[in-house]
C-alpha atoms as a PDB file:
ATOM      1  CA  MET A   1       0.108   0.350  -0.228  1.00  0.00           C
ATOM      2  CA  GLY A   2       2.758   1.783   0.515  1.00  0.00           C
ATOM      3  CA  PHE A   3       5.927   2.790   3.252  1.00  0.00           C
ATOM      4  CA  PHE A   4       7.475   4.996   5.340  1.00  0.00           C
ATOM      5  CA  LEU A   5      10.015   7.730   5.096  1.00  0.00           C
ATOM      6  CA  ASP A   6      11.559   8.888   8.499  1.00  0.00           C
ATOM      7  CA  ALA A   7      13.547  11.661   9.418  1.00  0.00           C
ATOM      8  CA  PHE A   8      16.893  12.159   9.242  1.00  0.00           C
ATOM      9  CA  HIS A   9      19.589  12.208  11.611  1.00  0.00           C
ATOM     10  CA  ARG A  10      23.109  11.055  12.182  1.00  0.00           C
ATOM     11  CA  SER A  11      21.762   9.764  15.484  1.00  0.00           C
ATOM     12  CA  VAL A  12      19.574   6.116  15.309  1.00  0.00           C
ATOM     13  CA  SER A  13      18.165   7.067  18.273  1.00  0.00           C
ATOM     14  CA  ALA A  14      17.088  10.258  17.594  1.00  0.00           C
ATOM     15  CA  ARG A  15      15.997   9.159  13.521  1.00  0.00           C
ATOM     16  CA  GLN A  16      13.775   6.671  15.979  1.00  0.00           C
ATOM     17  CA  LYS A  17      11.939   9.299  17.758  1.00  0.00           C
ATOM     18  CA  ALA A  18      10.817  11.850  14.871  1.00  0.00           C
ATOM     19  CA  ALA A  19       7.524  11.012  13.355  1.00  0.00           C
ATOM     20  CA  PRO A  20       7.907   9.389  10.014  1.00  0.00           C
ATOM     21  CA  THR A  21       5.879  10.556   6.627  1.00  0.00           C
ATOM     22  CA  PHE A  22       3.752   8.088   5.133  1.00  0.00           C
ATOM     23  CA  TYR A  23       3.491   8.150   1.551  1.00  0.00           C
ATOM     24  CA  PHE A  24       1.484   5.544  -0.903  1.00  0.00           C
ATOM     25  CA  PHE A  25       2.750   3.939  -3.832  1.00  0.00           C
ATOM     26  CA  ASP A  26       0.062   5.001  -6.255  1.00  0.00           C
ATOM     27  CA  VAL A  27      -1.276   8.285  -5.771  1.00  0.00           C
ATOM     28  CA  GLY A  28      -4.470   6.794  -7.517  1.00  0.00           C
ATOM     29  CA  ILE A  29      -4.735   5.451  -4.151  1.00  0.00           C
ATOM     30  CA  GLN A  30      -4.305   8.935  -1.984  1.00  0.00           C
ATOM     31  CA  ARG A  31      -6.310  10.337  -3.908  1.00  0.00           C
ATOM     32  CA  ALA A  32      -9.342   7.887  -3.878  1.00  0.00           C
ATOM     33  CA  LEU A  33      -9.141   7.467   0.221  1.00  0.00           C
ATOM     34  CA  SER A  34      -9.492  11.000   0.867  1.00  0.00           C
ATOM     35  CA  GLU A  35     -12.135  11.402  -1.754  1.00  0.00           C
ATOM     36  CA  MET A  36     -10.748  14.110  -4.183  1.00  0.00           C
ATOM     37  CA  LEU A  37     -10.334  11.967  -7.494  1.00  0.00           C
ATOM     38  CA  GLU A  38     -13.331  13.956  -8.705  1.00  0.00           C
ATOM     39  CA  VAL A  39     -10.656  16.998  -8.441  1.00  0.00           C
ATOM     40  CA  ARG A  40      -9.009  17.917 -10.939  1.00  0.00           C
ATOM     41  CA  PRO A  41      -5.626  18.838  -9.732  1.00  0.00           C
ATOM     42  CA  VAL A  42      -4.330  22.499 -11.048  1.00  0.00           C
ATOM     43  CA  PRO A  43      -0.746  22.945 -11.699  1.00  0.00           C
ATOM     44  CA  ARG A  44       0.964  25.551  -9.563  1.00  0.00           C
ATOM     45  CA  SER A  45      -1.321  25.190  -6.789  1.00  0.00           C
ATOM     46  CA  SER A  46       0.204  23.467  -3.184  1.00  0.00           C
ATOM     47  CA  TYR A  47      -2.800  19.729  -3.764  1.00  0.00           C
ATOM     48  CA  TYR A  48      -1.222  19.450  -7.294  1.00  0.00           C
ATOM     49  CA  GLY A  49       2.440  19.954  -5.911  1.00  0.00           C
ATOM     50  CA  GLU A  50       2.053  17.680  -3.053  1.00  0.00           C
ATOM     51  CA  LEU A  51       0.885  14.730  -5.914  1.00  0.00           C
ATOM     52  CA  LEU A  52       4.211  16.049  -7.870  1.00  0.00           C
ATOM     53  CA  GLU A  53       5.678  15.413  -4.974  1.00  0.00           C
ATOM     54  CA  ALA A  54       4.396  12.196  -3.911  1.00  0.00           C
ATOM     55  CA  PHE A  55       4.212  10.850  -7.117  1.00  0.00           C
ATOM     56  CA  VAL A  56       8.645  11.428  -7.208  1.00  0.00           C
ATOM     57  CA  VAL A  57       9.273   9.667  -4.022  1.00  0.00           C
ATOM     58  CA  SER A  58       7.427   6.589  -4.615  1.00  0.00           C
ATOM     59  CA  GLU A  59       9.346   6.514  -8.408  1.00  0.00           C
ATOM     60  CA  ILE A  60      12.611   7.150  -6.602  1.00  0.00           C
ATOM     61  CA  HIS A  61      11.195   4.548  -4.051  1.00  0.00           C
ATOM     62  CA  ARG A  62      10.531   1.854  -6.573  1.00  0.00           C
ATOM     63  CA  ARG A  63      13.247   2.104  -8.272  1.00  0.00           C
ATOM     64  CA  ILE A  64      15.660   2.243  -5.943  1.00  0.00           C
ATOM     65  CA  GLU A  65      13.567  -0.975  -4.581  1.00  0.00           C
ATOM     66  CA  TYR A  66      13.869  -2.294  -8.538  1.00  0.00           C
ATOM     67  CA  SER A  67      17.369  -1.776  -8.734  1.00  0.00           C
ATOM     68  CA  GLU A  68      18.616  -3.257  -5.233  1.00  0.00           C
ATOM     69  CA  LYS A  69      21.129   0.024  -4.664  1.00  0.00           C
ATOM     70  CA  GLN A  70      21.528   0.911  -1.072  1.00  0.00           C
ATOM     71  CA  MET A  71      20.185   4.111  -0.685  1.00  0.00           C
ATOM     72  CA  ARG A  72      18.304   5.058   2.660  1.00  0.00           C
ATOM     73  CA  MET A  73      14.996   7.580   2.195  1.00  0.00           C
ATOM     74  CA  SER A  74      14.983  10.174   4.691  1.00  0.00           C
ATOM     75  CA  TYR A  75      12.978  13.819   5.292  1.00  0.00           C
ATOM     76  CA  LEU A  76      15.512  16.688   6.718  1.00  0.00           C
ATOM     77  CA  GLN A  77      13.116  18.952   8.971  1.00  0.00           C
ATOM     78  CA  THR A  78      14.971  21.155  11.798  1.00  0.00           C
ATOM     79  CA  ALA A  79      13.938  22.583  14.644  1.00  0.00           C
ATOM     80  CA  ASP A  80      14.317  25.924  12.872  1.00  0.00           C
ATOM     81  CA  GLY A  81      12.169  25.655   9.735  1.00  0.00           C
ATOM     82  CA  LEU A  82      14.278  24.852   7.546  1.00  0.00           C
ATOM     83  CA  GLU A  83      13.385  21.632   5.442  1.00  0.00           C
ATOM     84  CA  ILE A  84      14.358  18.793   2.790  1.00  0.00           C
ATOM     85  CA  ASP A  85      11.962  16.900   1.149  1.00  0.00           C
ATOM     86  CA  LEU A  86      13.926  14.413   0.159  1.00  0.00           C
ATOM     87  CA  LEU A  87      17.628  12.572   1.225  1.00  0.00           C
ATOM     88  CA  LEU A  88      19.461   9.634  -0.281  1.00  0.00           C
ATOM     89  CA  GLU A  89      22.287   7.886   2.187  1.00  0.00           C
ATOM     90  CA  ARG A  90      24.896   6.048   0.511  1.00  0.00           C
ATOM     91  CA  ARG A  91      27.570   4.291   2.543  1.00  0.00           C
ATOM     92  CA  GLY A  92      26.504   6.573   5.951  1.00  0.00           C
ATOM     93  CA  ARG A  93      27.193   9.636   4.122  1.00  0.00           C
ATOM     94  CA  VAL A  94      23.894  12.110   2.675  1.00  0.00           C
ATOM     95  CA  ALA A  95      24.569  11.395  -1.312  1.00  0.00           C
ATOM     96  CA  PHE A  96      21.985  13.487  -3.105  1.00  0.00           C
ATOM     97  CA  ALA A  97      19.670  16.281  -1.205  1.00  0.00           C
ATOM     98  CA  ILE A  98      16.966  16.757  -3.754  1.00  0.00           C
ATOM     99  CA  GLU A  99      13.427  19.035  -3.132  1.00  0.00           C
ATOM    100  CA  PHE A 100      10.603  18.962  -5.865  1.00  0.00           C
ATOM    101  CA  LYS A 101       9.025  21.798  -6.956  1.00  0.00           C
ATOM    102  CA  SER A 102       5.747  22.134  -9.130  1.00  0.00           C
ATOM    103  CA  LYS A 103       6.974  25.324 -10.659  1.00  0.00           C
ATOM    104  CA  LYS A 104       7.875  25.429 -14.580  1.00  0.00           C
ATOM    105  CA  SER A 105      10.291  28.491 -13.440  1.00  0.00           C
ATOM    106  CA  LEU A 106      11.950  28.610 -10.359  1.00  0.00           C
ATOM    107  CA  THR A 107      13.290  31.781  -8.329  1.00  0.00           C
ATOM    108  CA  ILE A 108      16.399  32.244  -6.631  1.00  0.00           C
ATOM    109  CA  ASP A 109      13.977  31.751  -3.011  1.00  0.00           C
ATOM    110  CA  ASP A 110      13.279  28.275  -4.226  1.00  0.00           C
ATOM    111  CA  PHE A 111      16.715  27.205  -3.753  1.00  0.00           C
ATOM    112  CA  SER A 112      17.701  28.518   0.080  1.00  0.00           C
ATOM    113  CA  ALA A 113      17.082  25.533   1.573  1.00  0.00           C
ATOM    114  CA  LEU A 114      19.651  23.469  -0.468  1.00  0.00           C
ATOM    115  CA  ARG A 115      21.561  26.241   0.228  1.00  0.00           C
ATOM    116  CA  ARG A 116      21.395  26.251   3.403  1.00  0.00           C
ATOM    117  CA  VAL A 117      22.162  22.998   3.628  1.00  0.00           C
ATOM    118  CA  ALA A 118      25.141  23.140   1.252  1.00  0.00           C
ATOM    119  CA  GLU A 119      28.188  22.759   4.221  1.00  0.00           C
ATOM    120  CA  ASP A 120      26.409  20.565   6.411  1.00  0.00           C
ATOM    121  CA  PHE A 121      26.226  17.511   3.925  1.00  0.00           C
ATOM    122  CA  PRO A 122      29.676  18.163   1.776  1.00  0.00           C
ATOM    123  CA  GLY A 123      29.897  16.161  -1.407  1.00  0.00           C
ATOM    124  CA  ALA A 124      25.891  15.582  -0.987  1.00  0.00           C
ATOM    125  CA  ARG A 125      24.834  16.330  -4.686  1.00  0.00           C
ATOM    126  CA  ARG A 126      22.201  18.752  -4.434  1.00  0.00           C
ATOM    127  CA  LEU A 127      19.504  19.124  -6.863  1.00  0.00           C
ATOM    128  CA  VAL A 128      16.014  20.915  -7.800  1.00  0.00           C
ATOM    129  CA  LEU A 129      13.296  17.914  -9.104  1.00  0.00           C
ATOM    130  CA  CYS A 130      10.952  20.421 -10.781  1.00  0.00           C
ATOM    131  CA  GLN A 131       8.736  20.946 -14.322  1.00  0.00           C
ATOM    132  CA  GLU A 132      11.573  23.528 -15.440  1.00  0.00           C
ATOM    133  CA  GLU A 133      11.524  22.206 -19.260  1.00  0.00           C
ATOM    134  CA  ARG A 134      15.935  21.702 -18.782  1.00  0.00           C
ATOM    135  CA  THR A 135      19.063  21.208 -17.654  1.00  0.00           C
ATOM    136  CA  ARG A 136      20.391  23.427 -15.764  1.00  0.00           C
ATOM    137  CA  VAL A 137      23.208  24.369 -13.111  1.00  0.00           C
ATOM    138  CA  THR A 138      23.095  26.954 -11.117  1.00  0.00           C
ATOM    139  CA  GLU A 139      25.950  29.827  -9.945  1.00  0.00           C
ATOM    140  CA  VAL A 140      25.721  27.785  -5.908  1.00  0.00           C
ATOM    141  CA  ASN A 141      26.115  24.805  -7.876  1.00  0.00           C
ATOM    142  CA  ILE A 142      22.431  23.106  -7.417  1.00  0.00           C
ATOM    143  CA  GLU A 143      21.752  21.044 -10.189  1.00  0.00           C
ATOM    144  CA  VAL A 144      17.680  21.386 -11.574  1.00  0.00           C
ATOM    145  CA  PHE A 145      16.137  19.772 -13.761  1.00  0.00           C
ATOM    146  CA  PRO A 146      13.369  18.119 -14.962  1.00  0.00           C
ATOM    147  CA  TRP A 147      11.725  15.539 -12.587  1.00  0.00           C
ATOM    148  CA  ALA A 148      11.895  12.596 -14.731  1.00  0.00           C
ATOM    149  CA  GLU A 149      15.484  13.613 -15.906  1.00  0.00           C
ATOM    150  CA  GLY A 150      16.709  13.718 -12.175  1.00  0.00           C
ATOM    151  CA  ILE A 151      15.207  10.761 -11.396  1.00  0.00           C
ATOM    152  CA  ASP A 152      17.228   8.611 -14.731  1.00  0.00           C
ATOM    153  CA  GLN A 153      20.390  10.785 -12.892  1.00  0.00           C
ATOM    154  CA  ILE A 154      19.464   9.925  -9.185  1.00  0.00           C
ATOM    155  CA  LEU A 155      19.915   6.267 -10.315  1.00  0.00           C
ATOM    156  CA  SER A 156      22.070   5.921 -13.556  1.00  0.00           C
END
């Protein structure tokens, strides 16, 4: 039916205390259970963004499982309000810090969370998966991908 995404923390006991987030394997199930099948998701709405995030997270999860890659998935939420949608760890270190945006055109503000975690996760690739049409790299080395290309990039 779905899976839990644990909160990131360097301490195992702290990870266990933080509330996990549940994702359905299929956003259609999520929409049906919340009685939202008849509601058309409007691009750029918060509901549309939530569905895009849920879809991409479940797709990354599915591909990691099928590929048998050794990656741990988590999310980051700090006491001071910093949030990163998805962290992927490999061999005990964060390899990817990923944000999802349903926008077709990003602004500098859309990169603020990823800019803030650069020092916390040295060597991690910082990605934004969104609906922009082209791949690009920002001046602060944040990679921007159309979401489908970004998934391929992560799992290549």
